[in-house]
């Protein structure tokens, strides 16, 4: 099992599953991160937080804690 948090800069992955619950999962889905979506990791901040990704044609910054809830392949 690999999460979005472990993906290297410049890598593109496909969302497999969201492991968050309730409001957190809803918020991630509202940002356009749903099962089957391609996500490109653009930048990772020096300390690893936040992670900047491209999803559905727009840029998005995610906290490490949120990225950990996104299973990818």
C-alpha atoms as a PDB file:
ATOM      1  CA  UNK A   1       0.000   0.000   0.000  1.00  0.00           C
ATOM      2  CA  UNK A   2       1.453   3.336  -1.113  1.00  0.00           C
ATOM      3  CA  UNK A   3       0.086   6.725  -0.074  1.00  0.00           C
ATOM      4  CA  UNK A   4       0.327  10.093  -1.807  1.00  0.00           C
ATOM      5  CA  UNK A   5       2.697  11.187   0.981  1.00  0.00           C
ATOM      6  CA  UNK A   6       5.349   8.702  -0.258  1.00  0.00           C
ATOM      7  CA  UNK A   7       5.237   9.752  -3.923  1.00  0.00           C
ATOM      8  CA  UNK A   8       8.357  11.477  -5.270  1.00  0.00           C
ATOM      9  CA  UNK A   9       8.347  14.903  -6.900  1.00  0.00           C
ATOM     10  CA  UNK A  10       7.516  14.745 -10.632  1.00  0.00           C
ATOM     11  CA  UNK A  11       5.739  11.383 -10.363  1.00  0.00           C
ATOM     12  CA  UNK A  12       2.177  10.843 -11.611  1.00  0.00           C
ATOM     13  CA  UNK A  13      -0.008   8.327  -9.780  1.00  0.00           C
ATOM     14  CA  UNK A  14      -3.616   7.148  -9.887  1.00  0.00           C
ATOM     15  CA  UNK A  15      -5.853   7.398  -6.813  1.00  0.00           C
ATOM     16  CA  UNK A  16      -6.854   3.924  -5.652  1.00  0.00           C
ATOM     17  CA  UNK A  17      -8.734   4.599  -2.418  1.00  0.00           C
ATOM     18  CA  UNK A  18      -9.460   7.310   0.160  1.00  0.00           C
ATOM     19  CA  UNK A  19      -8.975   6.076   3.713  1.00  0.00           C
ATOM     20  CA  UNK A  20     -10.186   9.207   5.523  1.00  0.00           C
ATOM     21  CA  UNK A  21     -13.566   9.289   7.243  1.00  0.00           C
ATOM     22  CA  UNK A  22     -16.408  11.790   7.476  1.00  0.00           C
ATOM     23  CA  UNK A  23     -15.668  15.473   6.899  1.00  0.00           C
ATOM     24  CA  UNK A  24     -12.009  14.907   6.009  1.00  0.00           C
ATOM     25  CA  UNK A  25     -12.856  12.388   3.266  1.00  0.00           C
ATOM     26  CA  UNK A  26     -15.618  14.699   1.983  1.00  0.00           C
ATOM     27  CA  UNK A  27     -13.198  17.648   1.829  1.00  0.00           C
ATOM     28  CA  UNK A  28     -10.608  15.629  -0.114  1.00  0.00           C
ATOM     29  CA  UNK A  29     -13.301  14.487  -2.566  1.00  0.00           C
ATOM     30  CA  UNK A  30     -14.565  18.071  -2.934  1.00  0.00           C
ATOM     31  CA  UNK A  31     -11.043  19.058  -4.023  1.00  0.00           C
ATOM     32  CA  UNK A  32     -11.418  16.676  -6.974  1.00  0.00           C
ATOM     33  CA  UNK A  33      -9.356  13.819  -5.578  1.00  0.00           C
ATOM     34  CA  UNK A  34     -11.523  10.779  -6.222  1.00  0.00           C
ATOM     35  CA  UNK A  35     -10.908   7.139  -7.142  1.00  0.00           C
ATOM     36  CA  UNK A  36      -9.295   6.767 -10.560  1.00  0.00           C
ATOM     37  CA  UNK A  37      -8.035  10.374 -10.765  1.00  0.00           C
ATOM     38  CA  UNK A  38      -4.463  11.010 -11.945  1.00  0.00           C
ATOM     39  CA  UNK A  39      -2.405  13.114  -9.540  1.00  0.00           C
ATOM     40  CA  UNK A  40       0.962  14.701 -10.416  1.00  0.00           C
ATOM     41  CA  UNK A  41       3.202  15.623  -7.483  1.00  0.00           C
ATOM     42  CA  UNK A  42       4.691  18.996  -8.509  1.00  0.00           C
ATOM     43  CA  UNK A  43       6.589  20.148  -5.430  1.00  0.00           C
ATOM     44  CA  UNK A  44       7.323  19.023  -1.913  1.00  0.00           C
ATOM     45  CA  UNK A  45       8.199  21.719   0.639  1.00  0.00           C
ATOM     46  CA  UNK A  46      11.685  21.440   2.231  1.00  0.00           C
ATOM     47  CA  UNK A  47      10.272  19.948   5.427  1.00  0.00           C
ATOM     48  CA  UNK A  48       7.768  17.846   3.493  1.00  0.00           C
ATOM     49  CA  UNK A  49       4.700  19.882   4.369  1.00  0.00           C
ATOM     50  CA  UNK A  50       2.719  20.846   2.279  1.00  0.00           C
ATOM     51  CA  UNK A  51       2.811  18.838  -0.937  1.00  0.00           C
ATOM     52  CA  UNK A  52       1.807  20.625  -4.143  1.00  0.00           C
ATOM     53  CA  UNK A  53      -0.075  18.479  -6.649  1.00  0.00           C
ATOM     54  CA  UNK A  54      -1.855  18.905  -9.995  1.00  0.00           C
ATOM     55  CA  UNK A  55      -5.338  17.404 -10.120  1.00  0.00           C
ATOM     56  CA  UNK A  56      -7.854  17.792 -12.968  1.00  0.00           C
ATOM     57  CA  UNK A  57      -5.921  20.731 -14.434  1.00  0.00           C
ATOM     58  CA  UNK A  58      -5.386  22.823 -11.309  1.00  0.00           C
ATOM     59  CA  UNK A  59      -2.770  23.141  -8.559  1.00  0.00           C
ATOM     60  CA  UNK A  60      -3.546  22.073  -5.030  1.00  0.00           C
ATOM     61  CA  UNK A  61      -1.574  22.071  -1.778  1.00  0.00           C
ATOM     62  CA  UNK A  62      -2.152  19.196   0.627  1.00  0.00           C
ATOM     63  CA  UNK A  63      -0.957  18.663   4.165  1.00  0.00           C
ATOM     64  CA  UNK A  64       1.047  15.516   4.834  1.00  0.00           C
ATOM     65  CA  UNK A  65      -1.727  14.235   7.114  1.00  0.00           C
ATOM     66  CA  UNK A  66      -4.259  14.524   4.258  1.00  0.00           C
ATOM     67  CA  UNK A  67      -1.867  13.026   1.690  1.00  0.00           C
ATOM     68  CA  UNK A  68      -1.439  10.012   3.962  1.00  0.00           C
ATOM     69  CA  UNK A  69      -5.168   9.235   3.623  1.00  0.00           C
ATOM     70  CA  UNK A  70      -4.932   8.932  -0.167  1.00  0.00           C
ATOM     71  CA  UNK A  71      -3.931   5.449  -1.372  1.00  0.00           C
ATOM     72  CA  UNK A  72      -2.313   5.461  -4.826  1.00  0.00           C
ATOM     73  CA  UNK A  73      -0.894   3.066  -7.408  1.00  0.00           C
END
